[in-house]
Amino acid sequence: MAVHVCSLILNSPQSIPGDGAYHLIRFPYAGESADGHGMHQPDQPDGATSRFPDPRSGLIWPSTAGWGEVKALLYWAAGDYTEVRDRFVRDPLGIAGGADSTCTEDHRATPGGQYRAKAWGVFVDPGTPLGVMVRHNGSSAVDVTHAQFKLAIFT
């Protein structure tokens, strides 16, 4: 059995608007802990070129079809929200036929920042990128101060 892995990390604040909508977490193309199979590259499989922090920098393009294990780690700064939400999304930008979300979770705010880890299993395909999206119900923007997004594909 082969395993293809992509592991992304964001170590700088990313502002999430207080508009109630879901927003794609974007990741730089440098500093990844693992991308040996080229799943997070500026030159993307559909012919487009991305540059961090454009929305496409939030995509992992599976290198092969198979069973995928997706994981995310999200650190929220304190804010005026009472709830934060997150989800994994196939095709979050509508590039390959339309968004399909899974593993949506909501979390009631606790004092201080919110620190959330999640994992889920999905079938993946090279023509359908994946992303992790977040939202909050506050009235003003709040930073995600640290994020990780990982995909392991078992073939």
Protein backbone atom coordinates (compact mmCIF):
# COMPACT_ATOMS: atom_id res chain seq x y z
CA MET A 1 0.00 0.00 0.00
CA ALA A 2 1.31 3.44 -0.97
CA VAL A 3 0.67 6.60 1.06
CA HIS A 4 0.76 10.08 -0.49
CA VAL A 5 1.02 12.89 2.07
CA CYS A 6 0.63 16.66 2.00
CA SER A 7 1.03 18.66 5.21
CA LEU A 8 0.47 22.44 5.19
CA ILE A 9 1.12 24.98 7.93
CA LEU A 10 0.22 28.64 8.46
CA ASN A 11 2.14 30.47 11.19
CA SER A 12 0.89 34.00 10.59
CA PRO A 13 -2.51 35.50 11.40
CA GLN A 14 -5.24 35.21 8.79
CA SER A 15 -8.22 37.52 9.23
CA ILE A 16 -11.67 35.93 9.03
CA PRO A 17 -14.44 38.52 8.41
CA GLY A 18 -17.41 38.74 10.75
CA ASP A 19 -19.87 38.23 7.90
CA GLY A 20 -21.23 34.80 8.87
CA ALA A 21 -19.91 33.23 5.64
CA TYR A 22 -17.38 30.40 5.36
CA HIS A 23 -13.85 31.38 4.33
CA LEU A 24 -11.10 29.17 2.92
CA ILE A 25 -7.94 29.03 5.00
CA ARG A 26 -4.99 29.83 2.73
CA PHE A 27 -1.49 28.40 3.11
CA PRO A 28 1.88 29.66 1.86
CA TYR A 29 3.75 27.62 -0.74
CA ALA A 30 6.87 27.61 1.43
CA GLY A 31 7.40 26.11 4.86
CA GLU A 32 5.31 22.98 4.30
CA SER A 33 6.38 20.08 6.43
CA ALA A 34 5.64 17.61 3.59
CA ASP A 35 4.55 17.86 -0.05
CA GLY A 36 6.58 15.16 -1.76
CA HIS A 37 3.79 14.37 -4.22
CA GLY A 38 3.21 17.97 -5.38
CA MET A 39 -0.32 18.43 -4.03
CA HIS A 40 0.11 22.09 -3.00
CA GLN A 41 1.96 23.91 -5.76
CA PRO A 42 1.58 27.38 -7.32
CA ASP A 43 1.22 25.78 -10.78
CA GLN A 44 -2.01 23.86 -10.33
CA PRO A 45 -3.27 20.77 -12.19
CA ASP A 46 -6.07 22.66 -13.97
CA GLY A 47 -3.55 25.03 -15.59
CA ALA A 48 -4.04 27.99 -13.24
CA THR A 49 -1.21 29.60 -11.32
CA SER A 50 -1.66 30.66 -7.71
CA ARG A 51 0.22 33.01 -5.45
CA PHE A 52 -0.27 33.09 -1.65
CA PRO A 53 -2.59 34.47 -0.25
CA ASP A 54 -5.03 34.12 -3.17
CA PRO A 55 -7.93 31.70 -2.59
CA ARG A 56 -6.29 28.90 -4.60
CA SER A 57 -3.46 28.80 -2.04
CA GLY A 58 -5.96 27.09 0.26
CA LEU A 59 -6.26 24.04 -2.00
CA ILE A 60 -4.73 20.59 -1.78
CA TRP A 61 -5.00 18.78 -5.13
CA PRO A 62 -4.90 15.00 -4.45
CA SER A 63 -2.08 13.34 -6.40
CA THR A 64 -4.04 10.13 -6.90
CA ALA A 65 -7.49 8.68 -6.33
CA GLY A 66 -8.02 6.75 -3.12
CA TRP A 67 -9.11 6.87 0.48
CA GLY A 68 -8.03 10.14 2.05
CA GLU A 69 -7.61 11.05 5.69
CA VAL A 70 -7.90 14.83 6.15
CA LYS A 71 -6.87 16.62 9.32
CA ALA A 72 -6.89 20.23 10.45
CA LEU A 73 -5.68 22.24 13.41
CA LEU A 74 -7.11 25.74 13.92
CA TYR A 75 -6.20 28.34 16.55
CA TRP A 76 -8.64 31.24 16.83
CA ALA A 77 -7.79 34.51 18.57
CA ALA A 78 -10.24 35.77 21.17
CA GLY A 79 -13.07 37.80 19.67
CA ASP A 80 -16.68 38.91 20.05
CA TYR A 81 -18.02 35.60 18.69
CA THR A 82 -20.01 33.00 20.64
CA GLU A 83 -19.42 30.21 18.11
CA VAL A 84 -16.78 29.10 15.59
CA ARG A 85 -17.36 26.57 12.81
CA ASP A 86 -15.14 24.58 10.49
CA ARG A 87 -15.58 22.08 7.67
CA PHE A 88 -13.68 20.15 5.04
CA VAL A 89 -14.82 20.92 1.50
CA ARG A 90 -14.27 19.14 -1.78
CA ASP A 91 -13.95 21.77 -4.54
CA PRO A 92 -14.41 24.80 -2.24
CA LEU A 93 -13.95 27.27 -5.12
CA GLY A 94 -16.30 25.54 -7.57
CA ILE A 95 -13.48 24.65 -9.98
CA ALA A 96 -14.50 21.01 -10.55
CA GLY A 97 -18.28 21.08 -10.52
CA GLY A 98 -19.27 22.59 -7.17
CA ALA A 99 -18.52 22.56 -3.48
CA ASP A 100 -19.32 19.52 -1.35
CA SER A 101 -18.76 20.00 2.38
CA THR A 102 -18.29 17.31 5.00
CA CYS A 103 -17.41 17.11 8.69
CA THR A 104 -18.93 20.49 9.57
CA GLU A 105 -18.54 21.18 13.28
CA ASP A 106 -19.60 24.09 15.44
CA HIS A 107 -18.02 24.95 18.76
CA ARG A 108 -19.30 27.20 21.50
CA ALA A 109 -16.71 29.76 22.54
CA THR A 110 -14.76 29.26 25.75
CA PRO A 111 -12.80 32.02 27.55
CA GLY A 112 -9.79 33.17 25.51
CA GLY A 113 -8.87 31.66 22.14
CA GLN A 114 -10.33 28.54 20.59
CA TYR A 115 -8.02 25.63 19.72
CA ARG A 116 -9.61 22.96 17.53
CA ALA A 117 -8.35 19.76 15.90
CA LYS A 118 -10.39 17.62 13.53
CA ALA A 119 -10.02 14.54 11.33
CA TRP A 120 -12.21 12.85 8.73
CA GLY A 121 -12.05 10.23 5.99
CA VAL A 122 -13.12 10.88 2.39
CA PHE A 123 -12.61 9.43 -1.06
CA VAL A 124 -10.42 11.79 -3.08
CA ASP A 125 -9.78 12.33 -6.77
CA PRO A 126 -6.95 14.26 -8.51
CA GLY A 127 -9.44 16.48 -10.37
CA THR A 128 -11.17 17.68 -7.20
CA PRO A 129 -9.20 19.91 -4.80
CA LEU A 130 -9.83 19.98 -1.05
CA GLY A 131 -9.87 22.82 1.45
CA VAL A 132 -10.67 23.63 5.05
CA MET A 133 -13.15 26.47 5.61
CA VAL A 134 -14.06 28.40 8.75
CA ARG A 135 -16.55 30.98 9.98
CA HIS A 136 -17.58 32.67 13.22
CA ASN A 137 -20.66 34.56 14.34
CA GLY A 138 -18.92 37.68 15.66
CA SER A 139 -19.60 41.15 14.29
CA SER A 140 -15.97 41.99 13.47
CA ALA A 141 -13.02 40.18 11.92
CA VAL A 142 -11.12 37.62 14.01
CA ASP A 143 -7.74 36.07 13.28
CA VAL A 144 -6.97 32.42 12.87
CA THR A 145 -3.48 32.65 14.38
CA HIS A 146 -2.23 29.19 13.40
CA ALA A 147 -3.55 26.51 11.05
CA GLN A 148 -2.50 23.14 9.70
CA PHE A 149 -4.16 21.13 6.95
CA LYS A 150 -3.10 17.60 6.10
CA LEU A 151 -4.08 14.91 3.60
CA ALA A 152 -2.85 11.32 3.53
CA ILE A 153 -4.07 9.19 0.60
CA PHE A 154 -3.97 5.41 0.89
CA THR A 155 -3.88 3.57 -2.45
